[in-house]
Amino acid sequence: MAAISGGKNYHHGDLRNALIGAAVDLATEGGPERVVLREAARRVGVSPTAAYRHFDGRGELLAAVREHARRVLADSMERAAVRAPGADDPALAAEARLAALCRGYVAFAVDHPGLYRSAFSTPRTASGHSDHDADASGAEVRAFTLLTDALAALAATARPPRPARPAAEAAAWSAVHGLSLLLLDGPLCRLPAQRRADVVESTLAMVVSGTRAD
């Protein structure tokens, strides 16, 4: 399901999708804190009562935004991988794909900070409980799956083939996620553009080289 753009009065069609589109716009503007069901309803041009027919509250709406944000994060990674230069050597090609996926991850975070933060928000249900799904393992986050598959493909190019290093996918994810947060909210955000780019490339080189360690 692709969320449609919000911000216009709603007249017909899929109200749930229109509300998600408005909520995505809110998240893009200010992160998960901006996602409020009443404001999404106002932007679409319907009453809060109409909105509550589709969502029990802010938690459900934010969960839908989180799903959208995770999807576009993974899309960014895949686009970066498609643009990666090819190589005749399978090992070099696998390394290039892994680095490109990581690069696409960080680029999405920097270019779309509100959506990136929303992708890892923790919505609360109507009962007030946190919505903890499979985040702990990453099983339902396609970005994590892309990294896992790329690491497995890289390990398979070894001669003789070997399994991926234990917890390599979690380590790679931690590296790019931590880097992204440092670029957004930490001291790295104050670096000049070229220095920031150098830090990104150095981190990605470490991720790739770490997979080759014995």
N, C-alpha and C. Protein backbone atom coordinates (compact mmCIF):
# COMPACT_ATOMS: atom_id res chain seq x y z
N MET A 1 0.84 -1.19 0.00
CA MET A 1 0.00 0.00 0.00
C MET A 1 0.86 1.23 0.00
N ALA A 2 0.66 2.13 -0.91
CA ALA A 2 1.40 3.37 -0.97
C ALA A 2 0.52 4.49 -0.45
N ALA A 3 0.99 5.19 0.56
CA ALA A 3 0.21 6.27 1.13
C ALA A 3 0.09 7.39 0.12
N ILE A 4 -1.11 7.93 0.00
CA ILE A 4 -1.31 9.06 -0.90
C ILE A 4 -0.97 10.34 -0.17
N SER A 5 -0.73 11.39 -0.92
CA SER A 5 -0.33 12.65 -0.31
C SER A 5 -1.48 13.27 0.45
N GLY A 6 -1.17 13.80 1.63
CA GLY A 6 -2.18 14.51 2.39
C GLY A 6 -2.17 15.98 2.03
N GLY A 7 -2.82 16.79 2.89
CA GLY A 7 -2.75 18.22 2.72
C GLY A 7 -3.88 18.83 1.90
N LYS A 8 -4.82 18.02 1.39
CA LYS A 8 -5.96 18.55 0.65
C LYS A 8 -7.24 18.01 1.25
N ASN A 9 -8.32 18.75 1.03
CA ASN A 9 -9.60 18.29 1.54
C ASN A 9 -9.95 16.94 0.92
N TYR A 10 -10.50 16.08 1.76
CA TYR A 10 -10.85 14.73 1.34
C TYR A 10 -12.30 14.73 0.83
N HIS A 11 -12.52 14.14 -0.33
CA HIS A 11 -13.87 14.10 -0.89
C HIS A 11 -14.37 12.68 -1.10
N HIS A 12 -13.50 11.78 -1.51
CA HIS A 12 -13.96 10.42 -1.79
C HIS A 12 -12.76 9.50 -1.83
N GLY A 13 -13.03 8.21 -1.83
CA GLY A 13 -11.94 7.25 -1.94
C GLY A 13 -11.60 6.62 -0.61
N ASP A 14 -10.33 6.37 -0.40
CA ASP A 14 -9.85 5.63 0.75
C ASP A 14 -9.43 6.60 1.84
N LEU A 15 -10.29 6.82 2.82
CA LEU A 15 -10.00 7.78 3.88
C LEU A 15 -8.82 7.32 4.72
N ARG A 16 -8.74 6.04 5.00
CA ARG A 16 -7.62 5.54 5.81
C ARG A 16 -6.29 5.89 5.14
N ASN A 17 -6.20 5.64 3.85
CA ASN A 17 -4.97 5.93 3.13
C ASN A 17 -4.69 7.43 3.08
N ALA A 18 -5.73 8.22 2.96
CA ALA A 18 -5.55 9.68 2.96
C ALA A 18 -5.02 10.16 4.30
N LEU A 19 -5.50 9.59 5.39
CA LEU A 19 -5.02 9.96 6.71
C LEU A 19 -3.55 9.56 6.88
N ILE A 20 -3.19 8.40 6.37
CA ILE A 20 -1.79 7.98 6.44
C ILE A 20 -0.91 8.94 5.64
N GLY A 21 -1.41 9.34 4.46
CA GLY A 21 -0.65 10.28 3.66
C GLY A 21 -0.41 11.59 4.39
N ALA A 22 -1.45 12.10 5.06
CA ALA A 22 -1.29 13.33 5.83
C ALA A 22 -0.33 13.13 6.99
N ALA A 23 -0.40 11.96 7.62
CA ALA A 23 0.49 11.67 8.74
C ALA A 23 1.94 11.54 8.27
N VAL A 24 2.14 10.97 7.11
CA VAL A 24 3.49 10.89 6.53
C VAL A 24 4.04 12.29 6.29
N ASP A 25 3.20 13.19 5.79
CA ASP A 25 3.62 14.58 5.61
C ASP A 25 4.03 15.20 6.95
N LEU A 26 3.26 14.94 7.98
CA LEU A 26 3.57 15.48 9.31
C LEU A 26 4.91 14.94 9.81
N ALA A 27 5.11 13.63 9.64
CA ALA A 27 6.36 13.01 10.08
C ALA A 27 7.55 13.56 9.29
N THR A 28 7.34 13.80 8.00
CA THR A 28 8.41 14.36 7.17
C THR A 28 8.80 15.74 7.66
N GLU A 29 7.82 16.50 8.10
CA GLU A 29 8.07 17.87 8.56
C GLU A 29 8.73 17.92 9.93
N GLY A 30 8.36 16.99 10.82
CA GLY A 30 8.86 17.13 12.19
C GLY A 30 9.09 15.86 12.96
N GLY A 31 9.13 14.73 12.27
CA GLY A 31 9.40 13.47 12.97
C GLY A 31 8.16 12.89 13.61
N PRO A 32 8.29 11.80 14.35
CA PRO A 32 7.13 11.11 14.91
C PRO A 32 6.33 11.96 15.90
N GLU A 33 6.98 12.92 16.54
CA GLU A 33 6.26 13.75 17.51
C GLU A 33 5.16 14.59 16.85
N ARG A 34 5.31 14.86 15.56
CA ARG A 34 4.31 15.67 14.86
C ARG A 34 3.10 14.87 14.44
N VAL A 35 3.16 13.57 14.49
CA VAL A 35 2.06 12.73 14.02
C VAL A 35 0.96 12.73 15.08
N VAL A 36 -0.13 13.43 14.77
CA VAL A 36 -1.29 13.53 15.67
C VAL A 36 -2.53 13.26 14.82
N LEU A 37 -3.39 12.39 15.31
CA LEU A 37 -4.56 11.98 14.52
C LEU A 37 -5.47 13.16 14.19
N ARG A 38 -5.71 14.04 15.14
CA ARG A 38 -6.58 15.17 14.89
C ARG A 38 -6.00 16.10 13.82
N GLU A 39 -4.69 16.29 13.84
CA GLU A 39 -4.07 17.14 12.83
C GLU A 39 -4.11 16.49 11.47
N ALA A 40 -3.93 15.18 11.41
CA ALA A 40 -4.05 14.48 10.13
C ALA A 40 -5.46 14.63 9.59
N ALA A 41 -6.47 14.51 10.46
CA ALA A 41 -7.86 14.67 10.04
C ALA A 41 -8.10 16.09 9.53
N ARG A 42 -7.54 17.07 10.23
CA ARG A 42 -7.72 18.46 9.81
C ARG A 42 -7.14 18.68 8.42
N ARG A 43 -5.95 18.12 8.18
CA ARG A 43 -5.32 18.30 6.88
C ARG A 43 -6.09 17.64 5.76
N VAL A 44 -6.70 16.51 6.06
CA VAL A 44 -7.47 15.81 5.04
C VAL A 44 -8.83 16.48 4.84
N GLY A 45 -9.30 17.18 5.87
CA GLY A 45 -10.57 17.88 5.76
C GLY A 45 -11.76 17.10 6.27
N VAL A 46 -11.51 16.21 7.25
CA VAL A 46 -12.60 15.45 7.85
C VAL A 46 -12.59 15.69 9.35
N SER A 47 -13.64 15.26 10.02
CA SER A 47 -13.72 15.44 11.46
C SER A 47 -12.88 14.40 12.18
N PRO A 48 -12.44 14.69 13.40
CA PRO A 48 -11.73 13.68 14.18
C PRO A 48 -12.55 12.40 14.36
N THR A 49 -13.86 12.56 14.46
CA THR A 49 -14.72 11.38 14.62
C THR A 49 -14.59 10.45 13.42
N ALA A 50 -14.54 11.03 12.22
CA ALA A 50 -14.36 10.21 11.02
C ALA A 50 -13.01 9.51 11.04
N ALA A 51 -11.99 10.21 11.51
CA ALA A 51 -10.65 9.61 11.56
C ALA A 51 -10.62 8.46 12.55
N TYR A 52 -11.30 8.60 13.67
CA TYR A 52 -11.29 7.56 14.69
C TYR A 52 -12.02 6.30 14.25
N ARG A 53 -12.75 6.37 13.16
CA ARG A 53 -13.36 5.15 12.63
C ARG A 53 -12.31 4.24 12.00
N HIS A 54 -11.16 4.81 11.67
CA HIS A 54 -10.10 4.05 11.00
C HIS A 54 -8.90 3.77 11.91
N PHE A 55 -8.70 4.61 12.92
CA PHE A 55 -7.57 4.44 13.83
C PHE A 55 -8.06 4.63 15.26
N ASP A 56 -7.66 3.75 16.15
CA ASP A 56 -8.06 3.87 17.55
C ASP A 56 -7.43 5.09 18.22
N GLY A 57 -6.30 5.51 17.69
CA GLY A 57 -5.63 6.66 18.28
C GLY A 57 -4.32 6.92 17.58
N ARG A 58 -3.52 7.80 18.19
CA ARG A 58 -2.25 8.21 17.60
C ARG A 58 -1.31 7.02 17.39
N GLY A 59 -1.32 6.06 18.32
CA GLY A 59 -0.41 4.93 18.22
C GLY A 59 -0.61 4.14 16.95
N GLU A 60 -1.86 3.89 16.59
CA GLU A 60 -2.14 3.13 15.37
C GLU A 60 -1.72 3.92 14.13
N LEU A 61 -1.97 5.21 14.14
CA LEU A 61 -1.59 6.03 12.99
C LEU A 61 -0.07 6.09 12.85
N LEU A 62 0.63 6.25 13.98
CA LEU A 62 2.08 6.30 13.94
C LEU A 62 2.67 4.97 13.49
N ALA A 63 2.01 3.86 13.86
CA ALA A 63 2.48 2.55 13.40
C ALA A 63 2.39 2.45 11.88
N ALA A 64 1.32 3.03 11.30
CA ALA A 64 1.19 3.02 9.84
C ALA A 64 2.26 3.88 9.19
N VAL A 65 2.58 5.01 9.81
CA VAL A 65 3.65 5.87 9.31
C VAL A 65 4.99 5.14 9.41
N ARG A 66 5.19 4.45 10.51
CA ARG A 66 6.43 3.70 10.69
C ARG A 66 6.60 2.65 9.59
N GLU A 67 5.51 1.97 9.25
CA GLU A 67 5.58 0.97 8.18
C GLU A 67 5.96 1.62 6.86
N HIS A 68 5.36 2.77 6.57
CA HIS A 68 5.69 3.49 5.34
C HIS A 68 7.15 3.92 5.35
N ALA A 69 7.62 4.47 6.47
CA ALA A 69 8.99 4.97 6.55
C ALA A 69 10.00 3.85 6.37
N ARG A 70 9.71 2.70 6.94
CA ARG A 70 10.61 1.56 6.78
C ARG A 70 10.65 1.09 5.33
N ARG A 71 9.52 1.16 4.69
CA ARG A 71 9.48 0.73 3.29
C ARG A 71 10.31 1.66 2.42
N VAL A 72 10.18 2.97 2.60
CA VAL A 72 10.93 3.89 1.75
C VAL A 72 12.41 3.90 2.12
N LEU A 73 12.74 3.59 3.38
CA LEU A 73 14.14 3.42 3.75
C LEU A 73 14.76 2.26 2.97
N ALA A 74 14.08 1.14 2.94
CA ALA A 74 14.59 -0.01 2.18
C ALA A 74 14.65 0.29 0.70
N ASP A 75 13.67 1.05 0.19
CA ASP A 75 13.69 1.43 -1.22
C ASP A 75 14.93 2.26 -1.53
N SER A 76 15.29 3.16 -0.61
CA SER A 76 16.49 3.99 -0.80
C SER A 76 17.73 3.12 -0.87
N MET A 77 17.80 2.11 -0.03
CA MET A 77 18.94 1.20 -0.03
C MET A 77 19.03 0.44 -1.35
N GLU A 78 17.89 -0.03 -1.82
CA GLU A 78 17.89 -0.82 -3.06
C GLU A 78 18.25 0.05 -4.26
N ARG A 79 17.80 1.29 -4.28
CA ARG A 79 18.18 2.18 -5.38
C ARG A 79 19.68 2.43 -5.38
N ALA A 80 20.24 2.60 -4.19
CA ALA A 80 21.69 2.80 -4.11
C ALA A 80 22.44 1.57 -4.59
N ALA A 81 21.93 0.40 -4.28
CA ALA A 81 22.58 -0.84 -4.71
C ALA A 81 22.54 -0.99 -6.23
N VAL A 82 21.43 -0.58 -6.83
CA VAL A 82 21.30 -0.66 -8.29
C VAL A 82 22.32 0.25 -8.96
N ARG A 83 22.61 1.38 -8.34
CA ARG A 83 23.57 2.33 -8.92
C ARG A 83 25.02 1.93 -8.68
N ALA A 84 25.25 0.96 -7.82
CA ALA A 84 26.62 0.56 -7.51
C ALA A 84 27.31 0.00 -8.75
N PRO A 85 28.58 0.32 -8.94
CA PRO A 85 29.28 -0.21 -10.12
C PRO A 85 29.41 -1.72 -10.05
N GLY A 86 29.30 -2.36 -11.20
CA GLY A 86 29.45 -3.80 -11.25
C GLY A 86 30.91 -4.21 -11.21
N ALA A 87 31.13 -5.50 -11.05
CA ALA A 87 32.50 -6.03 -11.02
C ALA A 87 32.46 -7.47 -11.50
N ASP A 88 33.47 -7.84 -12.25
CA ASP A 88 33.55 -9.22 -12.73
C ASP A 88 33.84 -10.19 -11.59
N ASP A 89 34.59 -9.73 -10.63
CA ASP A 89 34.92 -10.57 -9.47
C ASP A 89 33.71 -10.63 -8.55
N PRO A 90 33.15 -11.82 -8.29
CA PRO A 90 31.96 -11.91 -7.43
C PRO A 90 32.18 -11.33 -6.04
N ALA A 91 33.37 -11.49 -5.50
CA ALA A 91 33.63 -10.95 -4.17
C ALA A 91 33.58 -9.42 -4.18
N LEU A 92 34.20 -8.81 -5.18
CA LEU A 92 34.17 -7.35 -5.28
C LEU A 92 32.75 -6.84 -5.52
N ALA A 93 31.99 -7.57 -6.34
CA ALA A 93 30.61 -7.18 -6.60
C ALA A 93 29.79 -7.26 -5.31
N ALA A 94 30.01 -8.30 -4.51
CA ALA A 94 29.27 -8.45 -3.26
C ALA A 94 29.66 -7.36 -2.27
N GLU A 95 30.93 -7.01 -2.23
CA GLU A 95 31.37 -5.93 -1.35
C GLU A 95 30.75 -4.60 -1.78
N ALA A 96 30.72 -4.36 -3.08
CA ALA A 96 30.16 -3.11 -3.59
C ALA A 96 28.67 -3.01 -3.26
N ARG A 97 27.96 -4.13 -3.35
CA ARG A 97 26.53 -4.10 -3.03
C ARG A 97 26.31 -3.82 -1.54
N LEU A 98 27.08 -4.46 -0.69
CA LEU A 98 26.94 -4.22 0.75
C LEU A 98 27.21 -2.76 1.08
N ALA A 99 28.30 -2.22 0.55
CA ALA A 99 28.63 -0.82 0.82
C ALA A 99 27.55 0.12 0.29
N ALA A 100 26.99 -0.20 -0.88
CA ALA A 100 25.95 0.65 -1.47
C ALA A 100 24.68 0.62 -0.63
N LEU A 101 24.31 -0.55 -0.14
CA LEU A 101 23.13 -0.65 0.71
C LEU A 101 23.30 0.20 1.97
N CYS A 102 24.48 0.12 2.57
CA CYS A 102 24.75 0.93 3.75
C CYS A 102 24.73 2.41 3.42
N ARG A 103 25.28 2.76 2.27
CA ARG A 103 25.31 4.16 1.84
C ARG A 103 23.89 4.68 1.64
N GLY A 104 23.03 3.86 1.03
CA GLY A 104 21.64 4.26 0.85
C GLY A 104 20.90 4.43 2.16
N TYR A 105 21.25 3.62 3.15
CA TYR A 105 20.65 3.73 4.49
C TYR A 105 20.99 5.09 5.11
N VAL A 106 22.27 5.42 5.11
CA VAL A 106 22.71 6.67 5.72
C VAL A 106 22.17 7.87 4.95
N ALA A 107 22.16 7.78 3.62
CA ALA A 107 21.66 8.89 2.81
C ALA A 107 20.19 9.17 3.10
N PHE A 108 19.40 8.10 3.28
CA PHE A 108 17.99 8.31 3.60
C PHE A 108 17.85 9.03 4.93
N ALA A 109 18.62 8.61 5.92
CA ALA A 109 18.53 9.24 7.24
C ALA A 109 18.85 10.73 7.17
N VAL A 110 19.90 11.07 6.43
CA VAL A 110 20.34 12.46 6.33
C VAL A 110 19.35 13.30 5.51
N ASP A 111 18.83 12.72 4.44
CA ASP A 111 17.93 13.46 3.55
C ASP A 111 16.50 13.55 4.07
N HIS A 112 16.10 12.56 4.88
CA HIS A 112 14.71 12.52 5.36
C HIS A 112 14.70 12.22 6.86
N PRO A 113 15.23 13.12 7.67
CA PRO A 113 15.37 12.84 9.10
C PRO A 113 14.05 12.57 9.81
N GLY A 114 13.00 13.28 9.43
CA GLY A 114 11.71 13.06 10.09
C GLY A 114 11.18 11.66 9.85
N LEU A 115 11.24 11.20 8.60
CA LEU A 115 10.78 9.85 8.29
C LEU A 115 11.71 8.80 8.89
N TYR A 116 13.01 9.09 8.88
CA TYR A 116 13.95 8.13 9.44
C TYR A 116 13.68 7.91 10.92
N ARG A 117 13.48 8.98 11.65
CA ARG A 117 13.16 8.84 13.08
C ARG A 117 11.84 8.11 13.27
N SER A 118 10.90 8.36 12.38
CA SER A 118 9.60 7.69 12.48
C SER A 118 9.72 6.20 12.21
N ALA A 119 10.67 5.81 11.37
CA ALA A 119 10.85 4.39 11.04
C ALA A 119 11.20 3.57 12.26
N PHE A 120 11.78 4.21 13.28
CA PHE A 120 12.20 3.49 14.47
C PHE A 120 11.53 4.03 15.72
N SER A 121 10.38 4.65 15.53
CA SER A 121 9.59 5.12 16.66
C SER A 121 8.91 3.93 17.33
N THR A 122 8.42 4.13 18.53
CA THR A 122 7.73 3.08 19.27
C THR A 122 6.32 3.56 19.61
N PRO A 123 5.37 3.31 18.72
CA PRO A 123 4.00 3.75 18.98
C PRO A 123 3.43 3.09 20.22
N ARG A 124 2.52 3.78 20.87
CA ARG A 124 1.81 3.22 22.01
C ARG A 124 0.37 2.91 21.62
N THR A 125 -0.11 1.77 22.07
CA THR A 125 -1.47 1.37 21.76
C THR A 125 -2.45 2.19 22.56
N ALA A 126 -3.75 1.99 22.27
CA ALA A 126 -4.78 2.73 22.98
C ALA A 126 -4.75 2.44 24.47
N SER A 127 -4.24 1.27 24.86
CA SER A 127 -4.16 0.92 26.28
C SER A 127 -2.95 1.54 26.96
N GLY A 128 -2.09 2.21 26.16
CA GLY A 128 -0.92 2.86 26.73
C GLY A 128 0.33 2.02 26.71
N HIS A 129 0.26 0.81 26.18
CA HIS A 129 1.42 -0.06 26.12
C HIS A 129 2.25 0.24 24.87
N SER A 130 3.56 0.04 24.98
CA SER A 130 4.44 0.22 23.83
C SER A 130 4.20 -0.89 22.83
N ASP A 131 4.30 -0.53 21.56
CA ASP A 131 4.11 -1.49 20.48
C ASP A 131 5.46 -2.10 20.12
N HIS A 132 5.85 -3.15 20.84
CA HIS A 132 7.10 -3.85 20.54
C HIS A 132 6.78 -5.04 19.65
N ASP A 133 7.20 -4.95 18.39
CA ASP A 133 6.96 -6.07 17.49
C ASP A 133 8.24 -6.87 17.35
N ALA A 134 8.70 -7.10 16.13
CA ALA A 134 9.92 -7.88 15.93
C ALA A 134 11.15 -6.99 15.83
N ASP A 135 11.08 -5.76 16.35
CA ASP A 135 12.20 -4.84 16.22
C ASP A 135 13.47 -5.38 16.86
N ALA A 136 13.33 -6.12 17.94
CA ALA A 136 14.51 -6.58 18.66
C ALA A 136 15.41 -7.42 17.77
N SER A 137 14.82 -8.21 16.90
CA SER A 137 15.61 -9.06 16.01
C SER A 137 15.76 -8.47 14.63
N GLY A 138 14.92 -7.47 14.30
CA GLY A 138 14.96 -6.89 12.96
C GLY A 138 14.24 -7.72 11.93
N ALA A 139 13.53 -8.78 12.35
CA ALA A 139 12.96 -9.72 11.40
C ALA A 139 11.94 -9.08 10.47
N GLU A 140 11.27 -8.01 10.92
CA GLU A 140 10.24 -7.41 10.10
C GLU A 140 10.69 -6.09 9.47
N VAL A 141 11.97 -5.79 9.56
CA VAL A 141 12.50 -4.56 8.98
C VAL A 141 13.27 -4.94 7.71
N ARG A 142 12.74 -4.53 6.56
CA ARG A 142 13.34 -4.97 5.30
C ARG A 142 14.77 -4.47 5.14
N ALA A 143 15.07 -3.31 5.72
CA ALA A 143 16.45 -2.80 5.66
C ALA A 143 17.40 -3.81 6.30
N PHE A 144 16.99 -4.38 7.40
CA PHE A 144 17.82 -5.38 8.08
C PHE A 144 17.96 -6.63 7.23
N THR A 145 16.87 -7.04 6.59
CA THR A 145 16.92 -8.22 5.72
C THR A 145 17.86 -8.00 4.55
N LEU A 146 17.85 -6.80 3.97
CA LEU A 146 18.75 -6.49 2.87
C LEU A 146 20.21 -6.61 3.30
N LEU A 147 20.52 -6.11 4.48
CA LEU A 147 21.88 -6.23 4.98
C LEU A 147 22.25 -7.69 5.24
N THR A 148 21.31 -8.43 5.81
CA THR A 148 21.55 -9.85 6.10
C THR A 148 21.84 -10.62 4.82
N ASP A 149 21.03 -10.39 3.80
CA ASP A 149 21.21 -11.10 2.53
C ASP A 149 22.53 -10.71 1.86
N ALA A 150 22.88 -9.42 1.95
CA ALA A 150 24.13 -8.97 1.33
C ALA A 150 25.34 -9.58 2.03
N LEU A 151 25.28 -9.69 3.34
CA LEU A 151 26.37 -10.30 4.09
C LEU A 151 26.50 -11.79 3.77
N ALA A 152 25.35 -12.46 3.63
CA ALA A 152 25.38 -13.88 3.28
C ALA A 152 25.97 -14.08 1.89
N ALA A 153 25.61 -13.18 0.95
CA ALA A 153 26.15 -13.28 -0.41
C ALA A 153 27.64 -13.04 -0.41
N LEU A 154 28.09 -12.10 0.41
CA LEU A 154 29.52 -11.82 0.48
C LEU A 154 30.28 -13.00 1.08
N ALA A 155 29.72 -13.60 2.11
CA ALA A 155 30.37 -14.76 2.72
C ALA A 155 30.47 -15.91 1.73
N ALA A 156 29.47 -16.04 0.87
CA ALA A 156 29.46 -17.14 -0.10
C ALA A 156 30.54 -17.00 -1.16
N THR A 157 31.10 -15.78 -1.32
CA THR A 157 32.15 -15.59 -2.33
C THR A 157 33.52 -16.02 -1.81
N ALA A 158 33.61 -16.30 -0.52
CA ALA A 158 34.89 -16.74 0.03
C ALA A 158 35.26 -18.11 -0.54
N ARG A 159 36.54 -18.37 -0.59
CA ARG A 159 37.01 -19.67 -1.08
C ARG A 159 37.87 -20.33 -0.02
N PRO A 160 37.37 -21.42 0.60
CA PRO A 160 36.06 -22.02 0.36
C PRO A 160 34.95 -21.17 0.97
N PRO A 161 33.69 -21.33 0.49
CA PRO A 161 32.58 -20.57 1.05
C PRO A 161 32.49 -20.78 2.55
N ARG A 162 32.07 -19.73 3.25
CA ARG A 162 31.93 -19.82 4.70
C ARG A 162 30.65 -19.11 5.11
N PRO A 163 30.12 -19.45 6.25
CA PRO A 163 28.93 -18.72 6.72
C PRO A 163 29.30 -17.30 7.13
N ALA A 164 28.33 -16.45 7.15
CA ALA A 164 28.59 -15.08 7.61
C ALA A 164 29.03 -15.12 9.07
N ARG A 165 29.84 -14.13 9.45
CA ARG A 165 30.30 -14.07 10.84
C ARG A 165 29.12 -13.96 11.79
N PRO A 166 29.22 -14.57 12.97
CA PRO A 166 28.11 -14.49 13.94
C PRO A 166 27.72 -13.05 14.24
N ALA A 167 26.42 -12.77 14.16
CA ALA A 167 25.87 -11.45 14.46
C ALA A 167 26.40 -10.36 13.55
N ALA A 168 26.93 -10.73 12.37
CA ALA A 168 27.47 -9.71 11.47
C ALA A 168 26.39 -8.74 11.02
N GLU A 169 25.18 -9.26 10.81
CA GLU A 169 24.10 -8.37 10.34
C GLU A 169 23.75 -7.34 11.41
N ALA A 170 23.74 -7.75 12.67
CA ALA A 170 23.44 -6.80 13.74
C ALA A 170 24.56 -5.77 13.87
N ALA A 171 25.80 -6.22 13.69
CA ALA A 171 26.93 -5.29 13.78
C ALA A 171 26.89 -4.27 12.64
N ALA A 172 26.58 -4.73 11.43
CA ALA A 172 26.50 -3.82 10.29
C ALA A 172 25.37 -2.82 10.48
N TRP A 173 24.23 -3.31 10.93
CA TRP A 173 23.08 -2.43 11.16
C TRP A 173 23.40 -1.41 12.24
N SER A 174 24.04 -1.87 13.31
CA SER A 174 24.42 -0.95 14.40
C SER A 174 25.35 0.14 13.89
N ALA A 175 26.27 -0.23 13.01
CA ALA A 175 27.23 0.75 12.49
C ALA A 175 26.52 1.84 11.69
N VAL A 176 25.67 1.44 10.75
CA VAL A 176 25.04 2.45 9.90
C VAL A 176 23.97 3.23 10.66
N HIS A 177 23.29 2.57 11.60
CA HIS A 177 22.27 3.27 12.37
C HIS A 177 22.92 4.27 13.32
N GLY A 178 23.99 3.83 14.00
CA GLY A 178 24.68 4.75 14.89
C GLY A 178 25.29 5.93 14.14
N LEU A 179 25.87 5.65 12.99
CA LEU A 179 26.43 6.72 12.18
C LEU A 179 25.35 7.70 11.77
N SER A 180 24.20 7.17 11.36
CA SER A 180 23.11 8.04 10.94
C SER A 180 22.68 8.98 12.07
N LEU A 181 22.56 8.46 13.27
CA LEU A 181 22.14 9.28 14.41
C LEU A 181 23.20 10.33 14.75
N LEU A 182 24.47 9.96 14.64
CA LEU A 182 25.53 10.93 14.90
C LEU A 182 25.53 12.05 13.86
N LEU A 183 25.19 11.72 12.63
CA LEU A 183 25.12 12.73 11.58
C LEU A 183 23.92 13.64 11.76
N LEU A 184 22.84 13.09 12.35
CA LEU A 184 21.61 13.88 12.52
C LEU A 184 21.66 14.72 13.80
N ASP A 185 22.03 14.10 14.90
CA ASP A 185 21.88 14.74 16.20
C ASP A 185 23.18 14.87 16.99
N GLY A 186 24.24 14.26 16.51
CA GLY A 186 25.49 14.26 17.25
C GLY A 186 26.51 15.24 16.70
N PRO A 187 27.72 15.15 17.19
CA PRO A 187 28.77 16.11 16.78
C PRO A 187 29.13 16.03 15.30
N LEU A 188 28.85 14.89 14.66
CA LEU A 188 29.18 14.78 13.24
C LEU A 188 28.35 15.71 12.37
N CYS A 189 27.22 16.16 12.88
CA CYS A 189 26.37 17.05 12.07
C CYS A 189 27.03 18.40 11.83
N ARG A 190 28.05 18.73 12.62
CA ARG A 190 28.70 20.03 12.48
C ARG A 190 29.92 19.98 11.56
N LEU A 191 30.24 18.80 11.06
CA LEU A 191 31.40 18.68 10.17
C LEU A 191 31.10 19.29 8.81
N PRO A 192 32.11 19.80 8.12
CA PRO A 192 31.92 20.23 6.73
C PRO A 192 31.47 19.06 5.87
N ALA A 193 30.83 19.38 4.76
CA ALA A 193 30.22 18.35 3.92
C ALA A 193 31.22 17.29 3.48
N GLN A 194 32.40 17.70 3.04
CA GLN A 194 33.38 16.72 2.56
C GLN A 194 33.88 15.84 3.69
N ARG A 195 34.05 16.42 4.86
CA ARG A 195 34.49 15.63 6.01
C ARG A 195 33.43 14.62 6.41
N ARG A 196 32.17 15.04 6.35
CA ARG A 196 31.08 14.12 6.64
C ARG A 196 31.08 12.96 5.65
N ALA A 197 31.28 13.27 4.38
CA ALA A 197 31.32 12.23 3.36
C ALA A 197 32.47 11.27 3.61
N ASP A 198 33.61 11.80 4.04
CA ASP A 198 34.77 10.95 4.33
C ASP A 198 34.47 10.01 5.50
N VAL A 199 33.79 10.52 6.51
CA VAL A 199 33.44 9.70 7.67
C VAL A 199 32.51 8.57 7.25
N VAL A 200 31.53 8.89 6.41
CA VAL A 200 30.60 7.87 5.93
C VAL A 200 31.36 6.77 5.19
N GLU A 201 32.22 7.17 4.26
CA GLU A 201 32.93 6.17 3.47
C GLU A 201 33.88 5.34 4.33
N SER A 202 34.51 5.96 5.32
CA SER A 202 35.40 5.22 6.21
C SER A 202 34.62 4.19 7.03
N THR A 203 33.44 4.58 7.48
CA THR A 203 32.61 3.66 8.25
C THR A 203 32.16 2.48 7.40
N LEU A 204 31.75 2.78 6.16
CA LEU A 204 31.31 1.71 5.27
C LEU A 204 32.46 0.77 4.94
N ALA A 205 33.66 1.32 4.78
CA ALA A 205 34.83 0.48 4.52
C ALA A 205 35.10 -0.45 5.69
N MET A 206 34.89 0.05 6.91
CA MET A 206 35.08 -0.78 8.09
C MET A 206 34.04 -1.90 8.15
N VAL A 207 32.80 -1.59 7.77
CA VAL A 207 31.75 -2.61 7.77
C VAL A 207 32.13 -3.72 6.80
N VAL A 208 32.55 -3.35 5.59
CA VAL A 208 32.91 -4.35 4.58
C VAL A 208 34.14 -5.13 5.01
N SER A 209 35.17 -4.45 5.49
CA SER A 209 36.40 -5.15 5.86
C SER A 209 36.16 -6.07 7.04
N GLY A 210 35.23 -5.70 7.91
CA GLY A 210 34.92 -6.55 9.05
C GLY A 210 34.35 -7.90 8.67
N THR A 211 33.68 -7.95 7.53
CA THR A 211 33.12 -9.22 7.07
C THR A 211 34.19 -10.15 6.54
N ARG A 212 35.35 -9.59 6.21
CA ARG A 212 36.43 -10.42 5.65
C ARG A 212 37.36 -10.97 6.71
N ALA A 213 37.21 -10.46 7.96
CA ALA A 213 38.13 -10.87 9.01
C ALA A 213 37.95 -12.36 9.31
N ASP A 214 39.06 -13.03 9.63
CA ASP A 214 39.01 -14.46 9.95
C ASP A 214 38.50 -14.63 11.37
